[in-house]
Amino acid sequence: MLHRDRAAKIISTLGSSSSSKGQIRELFQAGADVFRLNFSHGTYKEQAERYHFIRELELEVGTPIGVIMDLQGP
């Protein structure tokens, strides 16, 4: 189990250029602690796919990975 002992967290916003499972894994390995899904961009289906990639990675590495869901405004 990976444990990062630091108070500050690194948040990575996922988008069209960073949405594959491999890219998400690379961002996590580079130090990202939390992933942000911006619902103002992309479809709900795309966001759900990214979310599932994060949860699969979480199971692989054995440590919780935070997800921030930035909802679309009015």
PDB file of N, CA and C in Angstrom:
ATOM      1  N   MET A   1       0.843  -1.187   0.000  1.00  0.00           N
ATOM      2  CA  MET A   1       0.000   0.000   0.000  1.00  0.00           C
ATOM      3  C   MET A   1       0.880   1.240   0.000  1.00  0.00           C
ATOM      4  N   LEU A   2       0.575   2.139  -0.900  1.00  0.00           N
ATOM      5  CA  LEU A   2       1.317   3.384  -1.019  1.00  0.00           C
ATOM      6  C   LEU A   2       0.806   4.383   0.008  1.00  0.00           C
ATOM      7  N   HIS A   3       1.726   5.043   0.708  1.00  0.00           N
ATOM      8  CA  HIS A   3       1.320   6.074   1.666  1.00  0.00           C
ATOM      9  C   HIS A   3       2.167   7.310   1.424  1.00  0.00           C
ATOM     10  N   ARG A   4       1.504   8.386   1.101  1.00  0.00           N
ATOM     11  CA  ARG A   4       2.202   9.652   0.887  1.00  0.00           C
ATOM     12  C   ARG A   4       1.996  10.500   2.128  1.00  0.00           C
ATOM     13  N   ASP A   5       3.071  10.751   2.832  1.00  0.00           N
ATOM     14  CA  ASP A   5       3.001  11.463   4.099  1.00  0.00           C
ATOM     15  C   ASP A   5       3.286  12.946   3.882  1.00  0.00           C
ATOM     16  N   ARG A   6       2.270  13.653   3.425  1.00  0.00           N
ATOM     17  CA  ARG A   6       2.415  15.096   3.245  1.00  0.00           C
ATOM     18  C   ARG A   6       1.060  15.751   3.468  1.00  0.00           C
ATOM     19  N   ALA A   7       1.083  16.979   3.970  1.00  0.00           N
ATOM     20  CA  ALA A   7      -0.167  17.683   4.262  1.00  0.00           C
ATOM     21  C   ALA A   7      -0.785  18.266   2.995  1.00  0.00           C
ATOM     22  N   ALA A   8       0.042  18.782   2.109  1.00  0.00           N
ATOM     23  CA  ALA A   8      -0.466  19.360   0.861  1.00  0.00           C
ATOM     24  C   ALA A   8      -0.800  18.247  -0.118  1.00  0.00           C
ATOM     25  N   LYS A   9      -1.824  18.460  -0.920  1.00  0.00           N
ATOM     26  CA  LYS A   9      -2.236  17.473  -1.916  1.00  0.00           C
ATOM     27  C   LYS A   9      -2.094  18.076  -3.303  1.00  0.00           C
ATOM     28  N   ILE A  10      -1.769  17.234  -4.269  1.00  0.00           N
ATOM     29  CA  ILE A  10      -1.667  17.660  -5.659  1.00  0.00           C
ATOM     30  C   ILE A  10      -2.941  17.233  -6.369  1.00  0.00           C
ATOM     31  N   ILE A  11      -3.636  18.220  -6.952  1.00  0.00           N
ATOM     32  CA  ILE A  11      -4.894  17.969  -7.656  1.00  0.00           C
ATOM     33  C   ILE A  11      -4.629  18.040  -9.151  1.00  0.00           C
ATOM     34  N   SER A  12      -5.053  17.018  -9.865  1.00  0.00           N
ATOM     35  CA  SER A  12      -4.893  16.971 -11.317  1.00  0.00           C
ATOM     36  C   SER A  12      -6.271  16.990 -11.966  1.00  0.00           C
ATOM     37  N   THR A  13      -6.516  17.988 -12.821  1.00  0.00           N
ATOM     38  CA  THR A  13      -7.782  18.059 -13.546  1.00  0.00           C
ATOM     39  C   THR A  13      -7.681  17.193 -14.790  1.00  0.00           C
ATOM     40  N   LEU A  14      -8.649  16.294 -14.949  1.00  0.00           N
ATOM     41  CA  LEU A  14      -8.659  15.410 -16.111  1.00  0.00           C
ATOM     42  C   LEU A  14      -9.495  16.022 -17.219  1.00  0.00           C
ATOM     43  N   GLY A  15      -9.009  15.889 -18.437  1.00  0.00           N
ATOM     44  CA  GLY A  15      -9.726  16.411 -19.597  1.00  0.00           C
ATOM     45  C   GLY A  15      -9.472  15.536 -20.805  1.00  0.00           C
ATOM     46  N   SER A  16      -9.749  16.078 -21.969  1.00  0.00           N
ATOM     47  CA  SER A  16      -9.637  15.283 -23.198  1.00  0.00           C
ATOM     48  C   SER A  16      -8.207  14.805 -23.468  1.00  0.00           C
ATOM     49  N   SER A  17      -7.211  15.564 -23.039  1.00  0.00           N
ATOM     50  CA  SER A  17      -5.827  15.162 -23.295  1.00  0.00           C
ATOM     51  C   SER A  17      -5.237  14.323 -22.161  1.00  0.00           C
ATOM     52  N   SER A  18      -6.015  14.088 -21.125  1.00  0.00           N
ATOM     53  CA  SER A  18      -5.507  13.293 -19.992  1.00  0.00           C
ATOM     54  C   SER A  18      -6.606  12.395 -19.435  1.00  0.00           C
ATOM     55  N   SER A  19      -7.197  11.590 -20.301  1.00  0.00           N
ATOM     56  CA  SER A  19      -8.347  10.811 -19.843  1.00  0.00           C
ATOM     57  C   SER A  19      -8.204   9.305 -20.011  1.00  0.00           C
ATOM     58  N   SER A  20      -7.095   8.839 -20.571  1.00  0.00           N
ATOM     59  CA  SER A  20      -6.943   7.388 -20.716  1.00  0.00           C
ATOM     60  C   SER A  20      -6.469   6.796 -19.385  1.00  0.00           C
ATOM     61  N   LYS A  21      -6.686   5.512 -19.238  1.00  0.00           N
ATOM     62  CA  LYS A  21      -6.266   4.836 -18.006  1.00  0.00           C
ATOM     63  C   LYS A  21      -4.756   4.968 -17.811  1.00  0.00           C
ATOM     64  N   GLY A  22      -3.998   4.847 -18.899  1.00  0.00           N
ATOM     65  CA  GLY A  22      -2.545   4.976 -18.817  1.00  0.00           C
ATOM     66  C   GLY A  22      -2.103   6.366 -18.400  1.00  0.00           C
ATOM     67  N   GLN A  23      -2.758   7.386 -18.935  1.00  0.00           N
ATOM     68  CA  GLN A  23      -2.404   8.763 -18.582  1.00  0.00           C
ATOM     69  C   GLN A  23      -2.743   9.059 -17.124  1.00  0.00           C
ATOM     70  N   ILE A  24      -3.876   8.545 -16.662  1.00  0.00           N
ATOM     71  CA  ILE A  24      -4.260   8.750 -15.266  1.00  0.00           C
ATOM     72  C   ILE A  24      -3.250   8.062 -14.348  1.00  0.00           C
ATOM     73  N   ARG A  25      -2.816   6.864 -14.715  1.00  0.00           N
ATOM     74  CA  ARG A  25      -1.802   6.142 -13.937  1.00  0.00           C
ATOM     75  C   ARG A  25      -0.497   6.947 -13.891  1.00  0.00           C
ATOM     76  N   GLU A  26      -0.087   7.495 -15.030  1.00  0.00           N
ATOM     77  CA  GLU A  26       1.145   8.295 -15.077  1.00  0.00           C
ATOM     78  C   GLU A  26       1.042   9.525 -14.182  1.00  0.00           C
ATOM     79  N   LEU A  27      -0.107  10.189 -14.199  1.00  0.00           N
ATOM     80  CA  LEU A  27      -0.297  11.358 -13.334  1.00  0.00           C
ATOM     81  C   LEU A  27      -0.207  10.967 -11.860  1.00  0.00           C
ATOM     82  N   PHE A  28      -0.809   9.836 -11.508  1.00  0.00           N
ATOM     83  CA  PHE A  28      -0.747   9.360 -10.127  1.00  0.00           C
ATOM     84  C   PHE A  28       0.693   9.034  -9.741  1.00  0.00           C
ATOM     85  N   GLN A  29       1.406   8.347 -10.607  1.00  0.00           N
ATOM     86  CA  GLN A  29       2.796   7.984 -10.325  1.00  0.00           C
ATOM     87  C   GLN A  29       3.688   9.216 -10.235  1.00  0.00           C
ATOM     88  N   ALA A  30       3.310  10.287 -10.929  1.00  0.00           N
ATOM     89  CA  ALA A  30       4.075  11.532 -10.884  1.00  0.00           C
ATOM     90  C   ALA A  30       3.770  12.348  -9.630  1.00  0.00           C
ATOM     91  N   GLY A  31       2.749  11.921  -8.849  1.00  0.00           N
ATOM     92  CA  GLY A  31       2.493  12.604  -7.582  1.00  0.00           C
ATOM     93  C   GLY A  31       1.086  13.109  -7.358  1.00  0.00           C
ATOM     94  N   ALA A  32       0.197  12.988  -8.324  1.00  0.00           N
ATOM     95  CA  ALA A  32      -1.183  13.457  -8.130  1.00  0.00           C
ATOM     96  C   ALA A  32      -1.855  12.639  -7.031  1.00  0.00           C
ATOM     97  N   ASP A  33      -2.511  13.331  -6.095  1.00  0.00           N
ATOM     98  CA  ASP A  33      -3.226  12.671  -5.001  1.00  0.00           C
ATOM     99  C   ASP A  33      -4.724  12.627  -5.244  1.00  0.00           C
ATOM    100  N   VAL A  34      -5.219  13.642  -5.955  1.00  0.00           N
ATOM    101  CA  VAL A  34      -6.656  13.831  -6.158  1.00  0.00           C
ATOM    102  C   VAL A  34      -6.878  14.149  -7.633  1.00  0.00           C
ATOM    103  N   PHE A  35      -7.967  13.626  -8.186  1.00  0.00           N
ATOM    104  CA  PHE A  35      -8.314  13.924  -9.573  1.00  0.00           C
ATOM    105  C   PHE A  35      -9.617  14.707  -9.613  1.00  0.00           C
ATOM    106  N   ARG A  36      -9.630  15.758 -10.434  1.00  0.00           N
ATOM    107  CA  ARG A  36     -10.803  16.621 -10.579  1.00  0.00           C
ATOM    108  C   ARG A  36     -11.470  16.333 -11.915  1.00  0.00           C
ATOM    109  N   LEU A  37     -12.781  16.111 -11.856  1.00  0.00           N
ATOM    110  CA  LEU A  37     -13.587  15.928 -13.060  1.00  0.00           C
ATOM    111  C   LEU A  37     -14.427  17.187 -13.235  1.00  0.00           C
ATOM    112  N   ASN A  38     -14.221  17.896 -14.333  1.00  0.00           N
ATOM    113  CA  ASN A  38     -14.927  19.149 -14.589  1.00  0.00           C
ATOM    114  C   ASN A  38     -16.124  18.869 -15.495  1.00  0.00           C
ATOM    115  N   PHE A  39     -17.314  18.896 -14.921  1.00  0.00           N
ATOM    116  CA  PHE A  39     -18.517  18.559 -15.669  1.00  0.00           C
ATOM    117  C   PHE A  39     -18.974  19.678 -16.606  1.00  0.00           C
ATOM    118  N   SER A  40     -18.273  20.813 -16.620  1.00  0.00           N
ATOM    119  CA  SER A  40     -18.569  21.860 -17.599  1.00  0.00           C
ATOM    120  C   SER A  40     -18.041  21.473 -18.975  1.00  0.00           C
ATOM    121  N   HIS A  41     -17.151  20.509 -19.009  1.00  0.00           N
ATOM    122  CA  HIS A  41     -16.548  20.052 -20.263  1.00  0.00           C
ATOM    123  C   HIS A  41     -16.693  18.544 -20.363  1.00  0.00           C
ATOM    124  N   GLY A  42     -17.059  18.053 -21.526  1.00  0.00           N
ATOM    125  CA  GLY A  42     -17.212  16.616 -21.730  1.00  0.00           C
ATOM    126  C   GLY A  42     -18.601  16.136 -21.344  1.00  0.00           C
ATOM    127  N   THR A  43     -18.891  14.914 -21.714  1.00  0.00           N
ATOM    128  CA  THR A  43     -20.206  14.332 -21.435  1.00  0.00           C
ATOM    129  C   THR A  43     -20.167  13.568 -20.111  1.00  0.00           C
ATOM    130  N   TYR A  44     -21.355  13.272 -19.606  1.00  0.00           N
ATOM    131  CA  TYR A  44     -21.427  12.482 -18.379  1.00  0.00           C
ATOM    132  C   TYR A  44     -20.824  11.094 -18.598  1.00  0.00           C
ATOM    133  N   LYS A  45     -20.997  10.557 -19.786  1.00  0.00           N
ATOM    134  CA  LYS A  45     -20.430   9.241 -20.109  1.00  0.00           C
ATOM    135  C   LYS A  45     -18.901   9.283 -20.038  1.00  0.00           C
ATOM    136  N   GLU A  46     -18.301  10.339 -20.587  1.00  0.00           N
ATOM    137  CA  GLU A  46     -16.840  10.487 -20.534  1.00  0.00           C
ATOM    138  C   GLU A  46     -16.359  10.625 -19.088  1.00  0.00           C
ATOM    139  N   GLN A  47     -17.086  11.411 -18.297  1.00  0.00           N
ATOM    140  CA  GLN A  47     -16.704  11.602 -16.892  1.00  0.00           C
ATOM    141  C   GLN A  47     -16.825  10.297 -16.113  1.00  0.00           C
ATOM    142  N   ALA A  48     -17.875   9.515 -16.396  1.00  0.00           N
ATOM    143  CA  ALA A  48     -18.062   8.228 -15.718  1.00  0.00           C
ATOM    144  C   ALA A  48     -16.919   7.278 -16.054  1.00  0.00           C
ATOM    145  N   GLU A  49     -16.475   7.301 -17.303  1.00  0.00           N
ATOM    146  CA  GLU A  49     -15.356   6.446 -17.710  1.00  0.00           C
ATOM    147  C   GLU A  49     -14.089   6.826 -16.958  1.00  0.00           C
ATOM    148  N   ARG A  50     -13.817   8.118 -16.855  1.00  0.00           N
ATOM    149  CA  ARG A  50     -12.642   8.581 -16.112  1.00  0.00           C
ATOM    150  C   ARG A  50     -12.743   8.166 -14.640  1.00  0.00           C
ATOM    151  N   TYR A  51     -13.935   8.316 -14.070  1.00  0.00           N
ATOM    152  CA  TYR A  51     -14.159   7.941 -12.674  1.00  0.00           C
ATOM    153  C   TYR A  51     -13.850   6.452 -12.466  1.00  0.00           C
ATOM    154  N   HIS A  52     -14.328   5.615 -13.364  1.00  0.00           N
ATOM    155  CA  HIS A  52     -14.084   4.176 -13.240  1.00  0.00           C
ATOM    156  C   HIS A  52     -12.600   3.838 -13.408  1.00  0.00           C
ATOM    157  N   PHE A  53     -11.899   4.558 -14.284  1.00  0.00           N
ATOM    158  CA  PHE A  53     -10.453   4.364 -14.423  1.00  0.00           C
ATOM    159  C   PHE A  53      -9.749   4.670 -13.099  1.00  0.00           C
ATOM    160  N   ILE A  54     -10.169   5.756 -12.429  1.00  0.00           N
ATOM    161  CA  ILE A  54      -9.566   6.136 -11.145  1.00  0.00           C
ATOM    162  C   ILE A  54      -9.810   5.046 -10.111  1.00  0.00           C
ATOM    163  N   ARG A  55     -11.026   4.540 -10.043  1.00  0.00           N
ATOM    164  CA  ARG A  55     -11.360   3.500  -9.054  1.00  0.00           C
ATOM    165  C   ARG A  55     -10.617   2.195  -9.346  1.00  0.00           C
ATOM    166  N   GLU A  56     -10.414   1.871 -10.619  1.00  0.00           N
ATOM    167  CA  GLU A  56      -9.625   0.684 -10.967  1.00  0.00           C
ATOM    168  C   GLU A  56      -8.174   0.864 -10.519  1.00  0.00           C
ATOM    169  N   LEU A  57      -7.624   2.053 -10.751  1.00  0.00           N
ATOM    170  CA  LEU A  57      -6.259   2.351 -10.325  1.00  0.00           C
ATOM    171  C   LEU A  57      -6.150   2.266  -8.806  1.00  0.00           C
ATOM    172  N   GLU A  58      -7.147   2.773  -8.117  1.00  0.00           N
ATOM    173  CA  GLU A  58      -7.175   2.729  -6.657  1.00  0.00           C
ATOM    174  C   GLU A  58      -7.051   1.282  -6.152  1.00  0.00           C
ATOM    175  N   LEU A  59      -7.762   0.369  -6.785  1.00  0.00           N
ATOM    176  CA  LEU A  59      -7.676  -1.047  -6.406  1.00  0.00           C
ATOM    177  C   LEU A  59      -6.296  -1.623  -6.709  1.00  0.00           C
ATOM    178  N   GLU A  60      -5.711  -1.208  -7.824  1.00  0.00           N
ATOM    179  CA  GLU A  60      -4.393  -1.714  -8.217  1.00  0.00           C
ATOM    180  C   GLU A  60      -3.302  -1.285  -7.243  1.00  0.00           C
ATOM    181  N   VAL A  61      -3.339  -0.013  -6.807  1.00  0.00           N
ATOM    182  CA  VAL A  61      -2.271   0.508  -5.949  1.00  0.00           C
ATOM    183  C   VAL A  61      -2.554   0.296  -4.470  1.00  0.00           C
ATOM    184  N   GLY A  62      -3.796  -0.006  -4.118  1.00  0.00           N
ATOM    185  CA  GLY A  62      -4.132  -0.301  -2.730  1.00  0.00           C
ATOM    186  C   GLY A  62      -4.159   0.893  -1.808  1.00  0.00           C
ATOM    187  N   THR A  63      -4.450   2.058  -2.349  1.00  0.00           N
ATOM    188  CA  THR A  63      -4.544   3.260  -1.525  1.00  0.00           C
ATOM    189  C   THR A  63      -5.702   4.121  -2.023  1.00  0.00           C
ATOM    190  N   PRO A  64      -6.383   4.830  -1.125  1.00  0.00           N
ATOM    191  CA  PRO A  64      -7.492   5.687  -1.565  1.00  0.00           C
ATOM    192  C   PRO A  64      -7.000   6.819  -2.466  1.00  0.00           C
ATOM    193  N   ILE A  65      -7.772   7.116  -3.501  1.00  0.00           N
ATOM    194  CA  ILE A  65      -7.482   8.228  -4.405  1.00  0.00           C
ATOM    195  C   ILE A  65      -8.699   9.138  -4.398  1.00  0.00           C
ATOM    196  N   GLY A  66      -8.481  10.406  -4.092  1.00  0.00           N
ATOM    197  CA  GLY A  66      -9.581  11.356  -4.022  1.00  0.00           C
ATOM    198  C   GLY A  66     -10.086  11.763  -5.397  1.00  0.00           C
ATOM    199  N   VAL A  67     -11.388  12.066  -5.453  1.00  0.00           N
ATOM    200  CA  VAL A  67     -12.016  12.546  -6.682  1.00  0.00           C
ATOM    201  C   VAL A  67     -12.842  13.777  -6.333  1.00  0.00           C
ATOM    202  N   ILE A  68     -12.609  14.861  -7.064  1.00  0.00           N
ATOM    203  CA  ILE A  68     -13.414  16.075  -6.935  1.00  0.00           C
ATOM    204  C   ILE A  68     -14.273  16.173  -8.180  1.00  0.00           C
ATOM    205  N   MET A  69     -15.572  16.333  -7.982  1.00  0.00           N
ATOM    206  CA  MET A  69     -16.488  16.479  -9.114  1.00  0.00           C
ATOM    207  C   MET A  69     -16.985  17.918  -9.133  1.00  0.00           C
ATOM    208  N   ASP A  70     -16.481  18.671 -10.090  1.00  0.00           N
ATOM    209  CA  ASP A  70     -16.841  20.077 -10.256  1.00  0.00           C
ATOM    210  C   ASP A  70     -18.055  20.123 -11.175  1.00  0.00           C
ATOM    211  N   LEU A  71     -19.234  20.362 -10.587  1.00  0.00           N
ATOM    212  CA  LEU A  71     -20.477  20.295 -11.346  1.00  0.00           C
ATOM    213  C   LEU A  71     -20.682  21.514 -12.227  1.00  0.00           C
ATOM    214  N   GLN A  72     -21.400  21.306 -13.310  1.00  0.00           N
ATOM    215  CA  GLN A  72     -21.703  22.365 -14.260  1.00  0.00           C
ATOM    216  C   GLN A  72     -22.703  23.335 -13.638  1.00  0.00           C
ATOM    217  N   GLY A  73     -22.483  24.621 -13.856  1.00  0.00           N
ATOM    218  CA  GLY A  73     -23.380  25.644 -13.322  1.00  0.00           C
ATOM    219  C   GLY A  73     -24.655  25.773 -14.135  1.00  0.00           C
ATOM    220  N   PRO A  74     -25.485  26.741 -13.758  1.00  0.00           N
ATOM    221  CA  PRO A  74     -26.787  26.910 -14.434  1.00  0.00           C
ATOM    222  C   PRO A  74     -26.706  27.285 -15.890  1.00  0.00           C
TER     223      PRO A  74
END
